[in-house]
Amino acid sequence: MAGTRRNTPSEYVTVEIYDQTYHLSGQEPEHIRELAARVDAKMRAVAAHSTTADSLRVAVLAALNLADELSLATEADPRLGHARTANLRGLLDSVLEEERKTGS
């Protein structure tokens, strides 16, 4: 992750998370796809064990699960946790910026 960064221009990657399409930019498209698949899987697992159909609630619960996993990783190896946090923060910023532009 942190050691595999390339100094190449960012490119857009289209991913689907919980039946929603997102256009993200980053230097590692395959890594972005893997993260999106992980988020999608986590949201679907939460939804399968929840009584709510509200996608926002599912997203928050999935985020809490992922934050817990990240917390455990940070405790095990702080450098790894910080690198993952920075990467996820960048992806989140990208999604939020896209939503501001499209108004969705």
N, C-alpha and C. Protein backbone atom coordinates (compact mmCIF):
# COMPACT_ATOMS: atom_id res chain seq x y z
N MET A 1 0.82 -1.17 0.00
CA MET A 1 0.00 0.00 0.00
C MET A 1 0.88 1.24 0.00
N ALA A 2 1.36 1.65 1.16
CA ALA A 2 2.17 2.85 1.20
C ALA A 2 3.45 2.66 0.39
N GLY A 3 4.00 1.46 0.41
CA GLY A 3 5.23 1.19 -0.31
C GLY A 3 5.04 0.97 -1.79
N THR A 4 3.79 0.85 -2.26
CA THR A 4 3.55 0.57 -3.66
C THR A 4 3.00 1.77 -4.41
N ARG A 5 3.08 2.93 -3.84
CA ARG A 5 2.56 4.14 -4.49
C ARG A 5 3.39 4.44 -5.73
N ARG A 6 2.71 4.84 -6.77
CA ARG A 6 3.38 5.22 -7.99
C ARG A 6 3.15 6.70 -8.23
N ASN A 7 4.07 7.35 -8.87
CA ASN A 7 3.91 8.77 -9.18
C ASN A 7 3.32 8.91 -10.58
N THR A 8 2.14 8.36 -10.75
CA THR A 8 1.44 8.45 -12.03
C THR A 8 0.22 9.31 -11.82
N PRO A 9 -0.29 9.90 -12.88
CA PRO A 9 -1.48 10.71 -12.75
C PRO A 9 -2.66 9.90 -12.25
N SER A 10 -3.53 10.56 -11.51
CA SER A 10 -4.73 9.89 -11.03
C SER A 10 -5.64 9.58 -12.21
N GLU A 11 -6.32 8.46 -12.13
CA GLU A 11 -7.30 8.13 -13.15
C GLU A 11 -8.61 7.79 -12.45
N TYR A 12 -9.69 7.95 -13.17
CA TYR A 12 -11.00 7.68 -12.59
C TYR A 12 -11.33 6.20 -12.70
N VAL A 13 -11.94 5.70 -11.65
CA VAL A 13 -12.36 4.32 -11.57
C VAL A 13 -13.83 4.32 -11.20
N THR A 14 -14.63 3.56 -11.92
CA THR A 14 -16.04 3.44 -11.60
C THR A 14 -16.24 2.16 -10.82
N VAL A 15 -16.86 2.30 -9.65
CA VAL A 15 -17.13 1.15 -8.79
C VAL A 15 -18.59 1.19 -8.37
N GLU A 16 -19.07 0.04 -7.93
CA GLU A 16 -20.44 -0.04 -7.42
C GLU A 16 -20.38 -0.54 -5.99
N ILE A 17 -21.01 0.22 -5.11
CA ILE A 17 -21.07 -0.14 -3.70
C ILE A 17 -22.53 -0.10 -3.28
N TYR A 18 -23.02 -1.24 -2.86
CA TYR A 18 -24.39 -1.37 -2.37
C TYR A 18 -25.39 -0.78 -3.38
N ASP A 19 -25.22 -1.19 -4.62
CA ASP A 19 -26.09 -0.82 -5.74
C ASP A 19 -26.04 0.66 -6.11
N GLN A 20 -24.99 1.35 -5.72
CA GLN A 20 -24.78 2.74 -6.10
C GLN A 20 -23.46 2.84 -6.86
N THR A 21 -23.44 3.63 -7.92
CA THR A 21 -22.24 3.80 -8.71
C THR A 21 -21.48 5.03 -8.24
N TYR A 22 -20.17 4.88 -8.11
CA TYR A 22 -19.30 5.97 -7.70
C TYR A 22 -18.14 6.06 -8.69
N HIS A 23 -17.73 7.30 -8.98
CA HIS A 23 -16.59 7.56 -9.84
C HIS A 23 -15.50 8.14 -8.94
N LEU A 24 -14.45 7.36 -8.73
CA LEU A 24 -13.39 7.75 -7.82
C LEU A 24 -12.10 7.97 -8.60
N SER A 25 -11.23 8.79 -8.06
CA SER A 25 -9.94 8.96 -8.71
C SER A 25 -8.84 8.53 -7.75
N GLY A 26 -7.79 8.01 -8.32
CA GLY A 26 -6.66 7.58 -7.53
C GLY A 26 -5.58 7.03 -8.42
N GLN A 27 -4.44 6.79 -7.81
CA GLN A 27 -3.29 6.31 -8.58
C GLN A 27 -3.26 4.80 -8.69
N GLU A 28 -4.06 4.11 -7.91
CA GLU A 28 -4.06 2.65 -7.93
C GLU A 28 -5.48 2.13 -8.14
N PRO A 29 -5.93 2.08 -9.39
CA PRO A 29 -7.30 1.66 -9.68
C PRO A 29 -7.67 0.30 -9.11
N GLU A 30 -6.77 -0.66 -9.18
CA GLU A 30 -7.10 -2.00 -8.68
C GLU A 30 -7.29 -1.98 -7.17
N HIS A 31 -6.49 -1.20 -6.48
CA HIS A 31 -6.63 -1.08 -5.03
C HIS A 31 -7.97 -0.43 -4.68
N ILE A 32 -8.36 0.57 -5.45
CA ILE A 32 -9.65 1.23 -5.24
C ILE A 32 -10.78 0.22 -5.44
N ARG A 33 -10.67 -0.59 -6.49
CA ARG A 33 -11.69 -1.61 -6.73
C ARG A 33 -11.77 -2.61 -5.57
N GLU A 34 -10.61 -2.99 -5.05
CA GLU A 34 -10.59 -3.92 -3.91
C GLU A 34 -11.24 -3.30 -2.68
N LEU A 35 -10.94 -2.03 -2.41
CA LEU A 35 -11.55 -1.36 -1.27
C LEU A 35 -13.06 -1.25 -1.44
N ALA A 36 -13.48 -0.90 -2.65
CA ALA A 36 -14.92 -0.78 -2.91
C ALA A 36 -15.61 -2.13 -2.72
N ALA A 37 -14.97 -3.19 -3.18
CA ALA A 37 -15.55 -4.53 -3.00
C ALA A 37 -15.63 -4.88 -1.52
N ARG A 38 -14.65 -4.48 -0.76
CA ARG A 38 -14.67 -4.75 0.68
C ARG A 38 -15.80 -3.98 1.37
N VAL A 39 -15.96 -2.72 1.00
CA VAL A 39 -17.05 -1.91 1.57
C VAL A 39 -18.40 -2.49 1.17
N ASP A 40 -18.53 -2.86 -0.10
CA ASP A 40 -19.78 -3.45 -0.57
C ASP A 40 -20.10 -4.73 0.21
N ALA A 41 -19.10 -5.58 0.37
CA ALA A 41 -19.31 -6.83 1.10
C ALA A 41 -19.70 -6.57 2.55
N LYS A 42 -19.05 -5.60 3.17
CA LYS A 42 -19.36 -5.28 4.56
C LYS A 42 -20.78 -4.75 4.68
N MET A 43 -21.18 -3.88 3.75
CA MET A 43 -22.55 -3.34 3.80
C MET A 43 -23.58 -4.45 3.60
N ARG A 44 -23.31 -5.36 2.69
CA ARG A 44 -24.25 -6.46 2.45
C ARG A 44 -24.32 -7.40 3.65
N ALA A 45 -23.19 -7.61 4.31
CA ALA A 45 -23.20 -8.46 5.51
C ALA A 45 -23.99 -7.79 6.63
N VAL A 46 -23.82 -6.49 6.79
CA VAL A 46 -24.58 -5.76 7.81
C VAL A 46 -26.06 -5.82 7.48
N ALA A 47 -26.41 -5.58 6.22
CA ALA A 47 -27.82 -5.59 5.81
C ALA A 47 -28.45 -6.96 6.02
N ALA A 48 -27.68 -8.02 5.80
CA ALA A 48 -28.20 -9.38 5.96
C ALA A 48 -28.52 -9.71 7.42
N HIS A 49 -27.84 -9.02 8.35
CA HIS A 49 -28.03 -9.29 9.77
C HIS A 49 -28.77 -8.15 10.47
N SER A 50 -29.41 -7.30 9.70
CA SER A 50 -30.08 -6.14 10.27
C SER A 50 -31.54 -6.12 9.84
N THR A 51 -32.34 -5.45 10.62
CA THR A 51 -33.75 -5.33 10.26
C THR A 51 -34.03 -4.04 9.50
N THR A 52 -33.03 -3.17 9.34
CA THR A 52 -33.24 -1.91 8.66
C THR A 52 -32.97 -2.05 7.16
N ALA A 53 -33.75 -1.34 6.38
CA ALA A 53 -33.54 -1.30 4.93
C ALA A 53 -32.94 0.03 4.52
N ASP A 54 -32.73 0.92 5.50
CA ASP A 54 -32.20 2.25 5.25
C ASP A 54 -30.71 2.15 4.91
N SER A 55 -30.35 2.52 3.68
CA SER A 55 -28.96 2.36 3.24
C SER A 55 -28.00 3.24 4.04
N LEU A 56 -28.46 4.38 4.52
CA LEU A 56 -27.59 5.23 5.33
C LEU A 56 -27.24 4.53 6.64
N ARG A 57 -28.21 3.91 7.27
CA ARG A 57 -27.94 3.18 8.51
C ARG A 57 -27.02 1.99 8.25
N VAL A 58 -27.24 1.31 7.15
CA VAL A 58 -26.37 0.19 6.78
C VAL A 58 -24.95 0.70 6.58
N ALA A 59 -24.80 1.85 5.91
CA ALA A 59 -23.47 2.41 5.67
C ALA A 59 -22.79 2.79 6.98
N VAL A 60 -23.53 3.38 7.91
CA VAL A 60 -22.94 3.76 9.20
C VAL A 60 -22.51 2.53 9.97
N LEU A 61 -23.34 1.51 10.00
CA LEU A 61 -22.97 0.29 10.71
C LEU A 61 -21.76 -0.39 10.06
N ALA A 62 -21.73 -0.38 8.74
CA ALA A 62 -20.57 -0.95 8.04
C ALA A 62 -19.31 -0.13 8.34
N ALA A 63 -19.46 1.19 8.37
CA ALA A 63 -18.33 2.06 8.69
C ALA A 63 -17.81 1.78 10.10
N LEU A 64 -18.71 1.57 11.03
CA LEU A 64 -18.28 1.24 12.40
C LEU A 64 -17.53 -0.09 12.43
N ASN A 65 -18.01 -1.07 11.68
CA ASN A 65 -17.31 -2.36 11.60
C ASN A 65 -15.92 -2.19 10.99
N LEU A 66 -15.82 -1.42 9.92
CA LEU A 66 -14.53 -1.20 9.28
C LEU A 66 -13.60 -0.39 10.18
N ALA A 67 -14.16 0.59 10.90
CA ALA A 67 -13.35 1.38 11.83
C ALA A 67 -12.80 0.49 12.94
N ASP A 68 -13.60 -0.46 13.39
CA ASP A 68 -13.13 -1.39 14.41
C ASP A 68 -11.99 -2.24 13.86
N GLU A 69 -12.12 -2.73 12.65
CA GLU A 69 -11.05 -3.51 12.03
C GLU A 69 -9.79 -2.67 11.88
N LEU A 70 -9.96 -1.41 11.48
CA LEU A 70 -8.82 -0.51 11.32
C LEU A 70 -8.16 -0.24 12.66
N SER A 71 -8.97 -0.07 13.69
CA SER A 71 -8.45 0.16 15.03
C SER A 71 -7.59 -1.02 15.48
N LEU A 72 -8.07 -2.22 15.23
CA LEU A 72 -7.30 -3.41 15.59
C LEU A 72 -6.00 -3.49 14.80
N ALA A 73 -6.05 -3.12 13.53
CA ALA A 73 -4.84 -3.13 12.70
C ALA A 73 -3.85 -2.07 13.18
N THR A 74 -4.36 -0.93 13.60
CA THR A 74 -3.50 0.14 14.08
C THR A 74 -2.79 -0.27 15.36
N GLU A 75 -3.53 -0.97 16.23
CA GLU A 75 -2.91 -1.45 17.47
C GLU A 75 -1.81 -2.45 17.18
N ALA A 76 -2.02 -3.30 16.18
CA ALA A 76 -1.03 -4.32 15.83
C ALA A 76 0.21 -3.70 15.17
N ASP A 77 0.00 -2.76 14.27
CA ASP A 77 1.10 -2.09 13.56
C ASP A 77 0.66 -0.67 13.23
N PRO A 78 1.03 0.30 14.07
CA PRO A 78 0.56 1.68 13.86
C PRO A 78 0.86 2.23 12.47
N ARG A 79 2.01 1.88 11.87
CA ARG A 79 2.33 2.41 10.54
C ARG A 79 1.34 1.92 9.50
N LEU A 80 0.98 0.65 9.59
CA LEU A 80 0.01 0.08 8.65
C LEU A 80 -1.35 0.76 8.82
N GLY A 81 -1.76 0.94 10.05
CA GLY A 81 -3.04 1.58 10.33
C GLY A 81 -3.10 3.00 9.80
N HIS A 82 -2.01 3.75 9.99
CA HIS A 82 -1.99 5.14 9.52
C HIS A 82 -2.03 5.21 7.99
N ALA A 83 -1.34 4.30 7.33
CA ALA A 83 -1.35 4.27 5.87
C ALA A 83 -2.75 3.95 5.35
N ARG A 84 -3.40 2.98 5.98
CA ARG A 84 -4.76 2.62 5.55
C ARG A 84 -5.72 3.77 5.81
N THR A 85 -5.57 4.42 6.95
CA THR A 85 -6.43 5.55 7.28
C THR A 85 -6.30 6.66 6.25
N ALA A 86 -5.07 6.99 5.89
CA ALA A 86 -4.84 8.05 4.90
C ALA A 86 -5.46 7.67 3.56
N ASN A 87 -5.33 6.43 3.15
CA ASN A 87 -5.89 5.97 1.89
C ASN A 87 -7.41 6.05 1.91
N LEU A 88 -8.02 5.56 2.98
CA LEU A 88 -9.48 5.61 3.09
C LEU A 88 -9.99 7.04 3.17
N ARG A 89 -9.26 7.91 3.86
CA ARG A 89 -9.66 9.31 3.95
C ARG A 89 -9.68 9.94 2.56
N GLY A 90 -8.67 9.64 1.75
CA GLY A 90 -8.62 10.17 0.39
C GLY A 90 -9.79 9.68 -0.45
N LEU A 91 -10.13 8.41 -0.33
CA LEU A 91 -11.26 7.87 -1.08
C LEU A 91 -12.57 8.49 -0.62
N LEU A 92 -12.72 8.68 0.69
CA LEU A 92 -13.93 9.30 1.21
C LEU A 92 -14.06 10.73 0.70
N ASP A 93 -12.96 11.47 0.72
CA ASP A 93 -12.97 12.83 0.19
C ASP A 93 -13.41 12.85 -1.27
N SER A 94 -12.93 11.88 -2.04
CA SER A 94 -13.28 11.78 -3.45
C SER A 94 -14.78 11.54 -3.63
N VAL A 95 -15.33 10.63 -2.84
CA VAL A 95 -16.76 10.33 -2.92
C VAL A 95 -17.59 11.54 -2.53
N LEU A 96 -17.21 12.20 -1.45
CA LEU A 96 -17.96 13.37 -0.99
C LEU A 96 -17.90 14.51 -2.01
N GLU A 97 -16.74 14.70 -2.63
CA GLU A 97 -16.62 15.73 -3.65
C GLU A 97 -17.51 15.41 -4.85
N GLU A 98 -17.55 14.14 -5.25
CA GLU A 98 -18.40 13.70 -6.35
C GLU A 98 -19.86 13.97 -6.03
N GLU A 99 -20.27 13.68 -4.79
CA GLU A 99 -21.64 13.90 -4.39
C GLU A 99 -21.98 15.39 -4.35
N ARG A 100 -21.02 16.22 -3.94
CA ARG A 100 -21.26 17.67 -3.95
C ARG A 100 -21.47 18.17 -5.38
N LYS A 101 -20.71 17.62 -6.31
CA LYS A 101 -20.81 18.04 -7.71
C LYS A 101 -22.13 17.60 -8.34
N THR A 102 -22.56 16.38 -8.02
CA THR A 102 -23.76 15.84 -8.66
C THR A 102 -25.03 16.12 -7.86
N GLY A 103 -24.86 16.51 -6.60
CA GLY A 103 -26.02 16.79 -5.77
C GLY A 103 -26.76 15.55 -5.30
N SER A 104 -26.09 14.37 -5.36
CA SER A 104 -26.77 13.14 -4.92
C SER A 104 -26.37 12.75 -3.54
